[in-house]
Amino acid sequence: MRLQDFAYDLPQELIAQHPLDSRDGSRLMVLDRKQQQIEHAFFHELPRYLRPPDVLVVNNTRVIPARLFAQKLSGGWVEVFLLESLGHSCDGRQTWKCLLKSRRKMRPGTALCFSPHLSGRVLAAEEEGFWLVELACQGSFEMAMQALGRTPLPPYIRRDRQAADNDGGDRVRYQTVYASVDGAVAAPTAGLHFSTDLLDRLRASGISLAFLTLHVGYGTFQPIRATRIEQHRMHQESFQMSEESAAAINHARSSGGRVIAVGTTTTRTLETMSSPARVVRHGQGTTDLFIYPGYTFRAIDALITNFHLPMSSLLLLVAAFAGTDLTLRAYREAVQARYRFFSYGDAMLIV
């Protein structure tokens, strides 16, 4: 299967740079797989497409302020993007897997100064452009992160380094209203469309809500470099599914309801934790599940998602669920109808 088959033309002005004033005010494209039809609505109309005893499964991971800026002894600046904590030493030092961005080539041993209370040292280069960095903090590391860290927005959302997060806008809006477990370095963006009012209306109509946690990492957005899709390998991401959530999902299905995944990260977790008999189990672990056309779904019946980058693993997952032809037709129609794309953009419901 060729990656190029999943390219599409997207005008730059359709890439959403800021969220809408209202979370549930975004547009909603509804794809009917059986009828091969496309409908246009708004996200606040979601309740009319759901019915009891459907269950919405959402990812409650919380985005950490993972983008930091440090100064080298030479005076140059380094952007440090924290990706994964690799553990703590007995003296409180932390080792992180990071992406580093600097005007000059980085070298192991480079000292980094974030503030008078937070310092770091580059330990070693890893494969695929990753680095190991050791951080040392006088006081609470979490408080230092909150004070110094910036919201880790995707690179296609442009912000001035000095102005970013000054009004707290991104720190609030690049987070779901139900986020509760720290650990993600990117938001599960399908969930950004839910307001507390919309969730209340869904519950009042008999739609249940089940939570899981998958800490969204770099692997979710890692570019596919292989020309043949089958050769791509996903990075592992950690997840947790509670016994209560698994029971709610299984009860909804056994009662005739649909399991509706909110986002691709939720989908990958559910598919990882589902048996061939379509029973979801609880537990925790890691997943590197790569879903692309030809995959047989056994956990989900419907999917809420955003509009994704061309030739991305996220677009391939959507095409696997909705069908390649319908997905690409929907994306062409979204461009023509001037939908807003990517993280702060509009949404799609596939039923």
Protein backbone atom coordinates (compact mmCIF):
# COMPACT_ATOMS: atom_id res chain seq x y z
CA MET A 1 0.00 0.00 0.00
CA ARG A 2 1.50 3.31 -1.11
CA LEU A 3 1.66 6.24 1.29
CA GLN A 4 1.24 8.68 -1.60
CA ASP A 5 -2.32 7.40 -2.09
CA PHE A 6 -3.26 9.24 1.11
CA ALA A 7 -2.05 12.68 0.06
CA TYR A 8 -4.50 15.52 -0.48
CA ASP A 9 -4.24 19.22 -1.31
CA LEU A 10 -4.82 21.55 1.64
CA PRO A 11 -4.66 25.35 1.41
CA GLN A 12 -2.54 26.73 4.25
CA GLU A 13 -5.29 29.14 5.31
CA LEU A 14 -7.50 26.18 6.34
CA ILE A 15 -5.05 25.12 9.06
CA ALA A 16 -6.68 26.45 12.24
CA GLN A 17 -4.31 28.68 14.20
CA HIS A 18 -6.62 29.42 17.13
CA PRO A 19 -9.58 27.67 18.76
CA LEU A 20 -13.09 28.99 18.33
CA ASP A 21 -14.65 31.01 21.14
CA SER A 22 -16.99 28.11 21.88
CA ARG A 23 -15.64 24.56 22.16
CA ASP A 24 -18.76 22.93 20.74
CA GLY A 25 -19.24 25.61 18.08
CA SER A 26 -17.04 23.78 15.58
CA ARG A 27 -18.48 22.22 12.47
CA LEU A 28 -19.19 18.49 12.38
CA MET A 29 -19.00 16.39 9.23
CA VAL A 30 -20.98 13.14 9.62
CA LEU A 31 -19.95 10.14 7.53
CA ASP A 32 -22.36 7.21 7.16
CA ARG A 33 -20.31 4.15 6.23
CA LYS A 34 -23.30 2.03 5.24
CA GLN A 35 -25.01 4.64 3.06
CA GLN A 36 -21.72 6.17 1.86
CA GLN A 37 -23.20 9.58 2.57
CA ILE A 38 -21.81 12.83 3.99
CA GLU A 39 -23.81 15.26 6.13
CA HIS A 40 -22.85 18.68 7.53
CA ALA A 41 -23.75 19.80 11.05
CA PHE A 42 -22.28 21.49 14.13
CA PHE A 43 -20.67 19.77 17.08
CA HIS A 44 -23.29 20.99 19.55
CA GLU A 45 -25.78 18.92 17.52
CA LEU A 46 -23.96 15.70 18.44
CA PRO A 47 -26.77 14.42 20.74
CA ARG A 48 -29.11 13.94 17.79
CA TYR A 49 -26.70 11.41 16.27
CA LEU A 50 -26.42 9.32 19.43
CA ARG A 51 -28.94 7.15 21.25
CA PRO A 52 -29.09 5.31 24.59
CA PRO A 53 -27.41 3.08 25.60
CA ASP A 54 -24.45 4.34 23.50
CA VAL A 55 -21.23 4.94 25.41
CA LEU A 56 -18.69 7.65 24.59
CA VAL A 57 -15.14 6.58 25.44
CA VAL A 58 -12.75 9.49 26.03
CA ASN A 59 -9.06 9.88 26.81
CA ASN A 60 -8.60 11.86 30.05
CA THR A 61 -4.85 12.40 29.70
CA ARG A 62 -3.68 15.91 30.63
CA VAL A 63 -1.10 17.81 28.57
CA ILE A 64 1.97 18.91 30.51
CA PRO A 65 3.77 22.21 29.66
CA ALA A 66 6.49 20.24 27.92
CA ARG A 67 8.15 22.97 25.82
CA LEU A 68 10.98 24.72 27.69
CA PHE A 69 13.64 27.24 26.68
CA ALA A 70 17.16 27.09 28.09
CA GLN A 71 20.31 29.14 27.65
CA LYS A 72 23.70 27.59 26.98
CA LEU A 73 26.90 28.87 28.60
CA SER A 74 27.76 30.39 25.22
CA GLY A 75 24.60 32.48 25.44
CA GLY A 76 22.67 30.69 22.71
CA TRP A 77 19.12 29.47 23.25
CA VAL A 78 17.93 25.86 23.09
CA GLU A 79 14.33 24.75 22.78
CA VAL A 80 13.78 21.59 24.83
CA PHE A 81 10.70 19.50 24.12
CA LEU A 82 10.20 16.95 26.89
CA LEU A 83 8.83 13.71 25.46
CA GLU A 84 9.15 11.01 28.10
CA SER A 85 10.41 10.75 31.66
CA LEU A 86 12.91 7.91 32.00
CA GLY A 87 13.19 7.97 35.77
CA HIS A 88 14.59 9.74 38.83
CA SER A 89 17.91 9.32 40.58
CA CYS A 90 18.26 9.13 44.35
CA ASP A 91 19.30 12.81 44.50
CA GLY A 92 16.15 13.92 42.65
CA ARG A 93 17.65 14.40 39.20
CA GLN A 94 15.41 13.40 36.31
CA THR A 95 16.33 11.96 32.93
CA TRP A 96 14.09 12.80 29.99
CA LYS A 97 13.91 11.78 26.37
CA CYS A 98 13.72 15.05 24.44
CA LEU A 99 13.78 16.83 21.15
CA LEU A 100 16.28 19.69 21.04
CA LYS A 101 16.29 22.67 18.71
CA SER A 102 19.22 25.06 18.49
CA ARG A 103 20.93 27.20 15.89
CA ARG A 104 24.15 25.28 16.39
CA LYS A 105 24.73 21.56 16.55
CA MET A 106 24.06 20.09 19.98
CA ARG A 107 26.76 18.12 21.76
CA PRO A 108 26.70 15.75 24.75
CA GLY A 109 27.80 17.50 27.91
CA THR A 110 26.21 20.86 27.00
CA ALA A 111 24.99 22.63 30.14
CA LEU A 112 21.51 24.17 30.07
CA CYS A 113 20.11 26.91 32.30
CA PHE A 114 16.34 27.28 32.40
CA SER A 115 16.14 29.46 35.52
CA PRO A 116 18.07 29.98 38.78
CA HIS A 117 16.21 26.93 40.11
CA LEU A 118 16.20 24.59 37.09
CA SER A 119 19.27 23.43 35.19
CA GLY A 120 20.09 20.61 32.83
CA ARG A 121 22.80 18.73 30.98
CA VAL A 122 22.69 17.02 27.59
CA LEU A 123 23.70 13.40 28.15
CA ALA A 124 23.67 11.66 24.78
CA ALA A 125 22.15 11.53 21.32
CA GLU A 126 19.64 8.80 20.53
CA GLU A 127 18.36 7.39 17.26
CA GLU A 128 15.83 9.32 15.15
CA GLY A 129 16.95 12.71 16.45
CA PHE A 130 16.09 12.20 20.12
CA TRP A 131 18.33 13.26 23.01
CA LEU A 132 18.73 12.26 26.65
CA VAL A 133 18.76 15.25 29.00
CA GLU A 134 19.30 15.27 32.77
CA LEU A 135 17.38 17.91 34.73
CA ALA A 136 18.08 19.12 38.26
CA CYS A 137 15.65 21.32 40.20
CA GLN A 138 15.89 23.17 43.48
CA GLY A 139 12.38 22.67 44.83
CA SER A 140 9.34 21.18 43.10
CA PHE A 141 9.96 20.08 39.51
CA GLU A 142 6.21 20.21 38.79
CA MET A 143 6.00 23.83 39.96
CA ALA A 144 9.03 24.74 37.86
CA MET A 145 7.39 23.13 34.81
CA GLN A 146 4.18 25.08 35.37
CA ALA A 147 6.12 28.33 35.74
CA LEU A 148 8.58 27.89 32.87
CA GLY A 149 6.99 25.43 30.48
CA ARG A 150 4.91 26.35 27.46
CA THR A 151 2.01 24.49 25.90
CA PRO A 152 3.49 21.97 23.42
CA LEU A 153 1.50 23.08 20.39
CA PRO A 154 2.08 21.30 17.07
CA PRO A 155 4.53 23.07 14.73
CA TYR A 156 1.79 24.04 12.27
CA ILE A 157 0.25 26.28 14.98
CA ARG A 158 2.41 29.38 14.97
CA ARG A 159 3.08 31.36 18.12
CA ASP A 160 5.70 33.97 18.97
CA ARG A 161 8.02 32.54 21.63
CA GLN A 162 7.71 35.61 23.83
CA ALA A 163 3.95 35.93 23.43
CA ALA A 164 2.98 32.27 23.71
CA ASP A 165 0.66 31.50 26.63
CA ASN A 166 0.80 35.10 27.92
CA ASP A 167 -3.01 35.12 28.19
CA GLY A 168 -3.23 31.47 29.19
CA GLY A 169 -5.41 30.79 26.15
CA ASP A 170 -3.55 27.80 24.78
CA ARG A 171 -2.90 26.38 28.23
CA VAL A 172 -6.67 26.21 28.77
CA ARG A 173 -7.95 25.42 25.28
CA TYR A 174 -5.29 22.86 24.28
CA GLN A 175 -6.73 20.69 27.06
CA THR A 176 -9.99 18.76 27.26
CA VAL A 177 -12.50 19.81 29.92
CA TYR A 178 -12.21 16.32 31.47
CA ALA A 179 -8.38 16.09 31.44
CA SER A 180 -7.23 14.77 34.83
CA VAL A 181 -4.10 12.59 34.50
CA ASP A 182 -0.82 14.41 33.72
CA GLY A 183 1.49 12.90 31.14
CA ALA A 184 0.68 13.83 27.53
CA VAL A 185 2.87 15.99 25.30
CA ALA A 186 0.03 16.53 22.81
CA ALA A 187 -3.71 16.82 23.30
CA PRO A 188 -6.21 14.12 22.29
CA THR A 189 -7.71 16.74 20.01
CA ALA A 190 -11.06 15.11 19.20
CA GLY A 191 -11.99 15.76 22.82
CA LEU A 192 -11.33 19.49 22.58
CA HIS A 193 -14.82 19.99 21.07
CA PHE A 194 -16.68 18.88 24.22
CA SER A 195 -17.95 21.59 26.57
CA THR A 196 -19.24 20.83 30.05
CA ASP A 197 -22.72 21.87 28.87
CA LEU A 198 -22.62 19.41 25.96
CA LEU A 199 -21.45 16.59 28.25
CA ASP A 200 -24.31 17.36 30.63
CA ARG A 201 -26.81 17.22 27.76
CA LEU A 202 -25.42 13.91 26.56
CA ARG A 203 -25.64 12.37 30.03
CA ALA A 204 -29.18 13.70 30.45
CA SER A 205 -30.17 12.00 27.18
CA GLY A 206 -28.94 8.63 28.44
CA ILE A 207 -25.48 8.55 26.82
CA SER A 208 -22.86 7.22 29.23
CA LEU A 209 -19.23 8.27 29.45
CA ALA A 210 -16.24 5.98 30.03
CA PHE A 211 -12.67 7.17 30.63
CA LEU A 212 -9.32 5.69 29.72
CA THR A 213 -5.85 7.19 29.76
CA LEU A 214 -3.31 7.09 26.96
CA HIS A 215 -0.51 9.60 27.33
CA VAL A 216 -0.18 11.01 23.82
CA GLY A 217 3.47 11.01 22.83
CA TYR A 218 5.57 11.78 19.81
CA GLY A 219 4.70 8.44 18.25
CA THR A 220 1.12 9.50 17.52
CA PHE A 221 2.37 12.31 15.27
CA GLN A 222 5.59 10.75 14.03
CA PRO A 223 5.86 11.23 10.25
CA ILE A 224 5.69 8.09 8.14
CA ARG A 225 8.98 7.94 6.27
CA ALA A 226 8.49 4.56 4.61
CA THR A 227 7.10 4.65 1.08
CA ARG A 228 5.21 1.42 1.79
CA ILE A 229 2.76 1.89 4.65
CA GLU A 230 3.27 -1.63 5.99
CA GLN A 231 6.92 -0.84 6.79
CA HIS A 232 6.08 1.92 9.32
CA ARG A 233 6.46 1.21 13.04
CA MET A 234 4.74 3.20 15.78
CA HIS A 235 6.44 4.27 19.01
CA GLN A 236 5.02 2.77 22.18
CA GLU A 237 2.67 4.84 24.33
CA SER A 238 1.46 3.96 27.83
CA PHE A 239 -2.22 3.51 28.66
CA GLN A 240 -4.53 2.53 31.49
CA MET A 241 -8.10 1.20 31.41
CA SER A 242 -9.98 0.95 34.71
CA GLU A 243 -12.19 -1.98 35.62
CA GLU A 244 -15.13 0.43 35.92
CA SER A 245 -14.65 1.78 32.39
CA ALA A 246 -14.23 -1.66 30.84
CA ALA A 247 -17.44 -2.81 32.56
CA ALA A 248 -19.33 0.25 31.30
CA ILE A 249 -18.15 -0.34 27.73
CA ASN A 250 -19.02 -4.03 27.79
CA HIS A 251 -22.42 -3.32 29.37
CA ALA A 252 -23.28 -0.77 26.69
CA ARG A 253 -22.47 -3.20 23.90
CA SER A 254 -24.31 -6.13 25.49
CA SER A 255 -27.34 -3.84 25.92
CA GLY A 256 -27.42 -2.94 22.22
CA GLY A 257 -25.52 0.34 22.46
CA ARG A 258 -22.61 1.50 20.35
CA VAL A 259 -19.06 2.03 21.53
CA ILE A 260 -18.10 5.48 20.23
CA ALA A 261 -14.41 6.28 20.44
CA VAL A 262 -13.51 9.94 20.88
CA GLY A 263 -10.22 10.20 19.02
CA THR A 264 -7.59 7.99 17.48
CA THR A 265 -5.71 7.47 20.77
CA THR A 266 -8.88 6.14 22.39
CA THR A 267 -9.41 3.90 19.38
CA ARG A 268 -5.93 2.42 19.56
CA THR A 269 -6.30 1.71 23.29
CA LEU A 270 -9.70 0.07 22.87
CA GLU A 271 -8.49 -2.06 19.97
CA THR A 272 -5.43 -3.10 21.98
CA MET A 273 -7.59 -4.14 24.94
CA SER A 274 -10.37 -5.90 23.01
CA SER A 275 -10.71 -9.65 22.53
CA PRO A 276 -11.80 -11.29 19.26
CA ALA A 277 -15.23 -11.67 20.92
CA ARG A 278 -15.37 -7.84 21.25
CA VAL A 279 -15.00 -7.86 25.03
CA VAL A 280 -12.85 -5.04 26.43
CA ARG A 281 -10.60 -5.91 29.37
CA HIS A 282 -9.18 -3.59 31.99
CA GLY A 283 -5.49 -3.13 32.76
CA GLN A 284 -2.48 -1.05 31.86
CA GLY A 285 0.46 -1.38 29.52
CA THR A 286 1.87 0.04 26.32
CA THR A 287 0.68 -0.08 22.73
CA ASP A 288 2.39 0.36 19.40
CA LEU A 289 -0.68 -0.70 17.42
CA PHE A 290 -0.59 0.72 13.90
CA ILE A 291 -4.03 0.79 12.27
CA TYR A 292 -4.26 1.25 8.50
CA PRO A 293 -6.66 0.11 5.74
CA GLY A 294 -7.22 -3.62 5.90
CA TYR A 295 -7.39 -3.68 9.69
CA THR A 296 -10.42 -5.47 11.20
CA PHE A 297 -11.97 -3.44 14.02
CA ARG A 298 -13.38 -5.31 16.97
CA ALA A 299 -13.82 -2.69 19.70
CA ILE A 300 -15.49 0.41 18.25
CA ASP A 301 -18.73 1.08 16.38
CA ALA A 302 -18.33 4.80 15.70
CA LEU A 303 -15.53 7.36 15.81
CA ILE A 304 -15.27 11.07 16.55
CA THR A 305 -12.07 12.59 15.20
CA ASN A 306 -10.50 15.73 13.74
CA PHE A 307 -9.22 16.34 10.21
CA HIS A 308 -5.65 15.06 10.04
CA LEU A 309 -2.45 15.75 8.15
CA PRO A 310 -1.96 14.19 4.71
CA MET A 311 -0.15 10.85 4.72
CA SER A 312 -0.25 10.61 8.54
CA SER A 313 -0.87 7.54 10.69
CA LEU A 314 -3.99 9.29 12.02
CA LEU A 315 -5.47 9.69 8.53
CA LEU A 316 -4.69 6.03 7.82
CA LEU A 317 -6.62 4.98 10.94
CA VAL A 318 -9.63 7.02 9.80
CA ALA A 319 -9.40 5.49 6.32
CA ALA A 320 -9.25 2.02 7.86
CA PHE A 321 -12.52 2.67 9.71
CA ALA A 322 -14.50 4.71 7.18
CA GLY A 323 -13.01 3.24 4.01
CA THR A 324 -10.35 4.89 1.88
CA ASP A 325 -12.66 6.14 -0.88
CA LEU A 326 -15.21 7.69 1.50
CA THR A 327 -12.46 9.25 3.64
CA LEU A 328 -10.68 10.92 0.73
CA ARG A 329 -14.00 12.09 -0.73
CA ALA A 330 -14.89 13.59 2.65
CA TYR A 331 -11.56 15.40 2.87
CA ARG A 332 -11.98 16.87 -0.61
CA GLU A 333 -15.47 18.05 0.36
CA ALA A 334 -14.13 19.50 3.63
CA VAL A 335 -11.60 21.56 1.68
CA GLN A 336 -14.27 22.80 -0.72
CA ALA A 337 -16.58 23.67 2.19
CA ARG A 338 -13.77 25.52 3.98
CA TYR A 339 -13.64 23.34 7.08
CA ARG A 340 -10.92 24.14 9.62
CA PHE A 341 -8.18 21.50 9.80
CA PHE A 342 -5.96 19.82 12.42
CA SER A 343 -5.76 20.27 16.20
CA TYR A 344 -7.83 23.45 16.61
CA GLY A 345 -10.01 22.63 13.62
CA ASP A 346 -13.41 21.05 13.01
CA ALA A 347 -14.58 17.50 13.71
CA MET A 348 -15.86 14.38 11.97
CA LEU A 349 -18.27 11.72 13.21
CA ILE A 350 -18.11 8.35 11.46
CA VAL A 351 -21.10 6.05 12.06
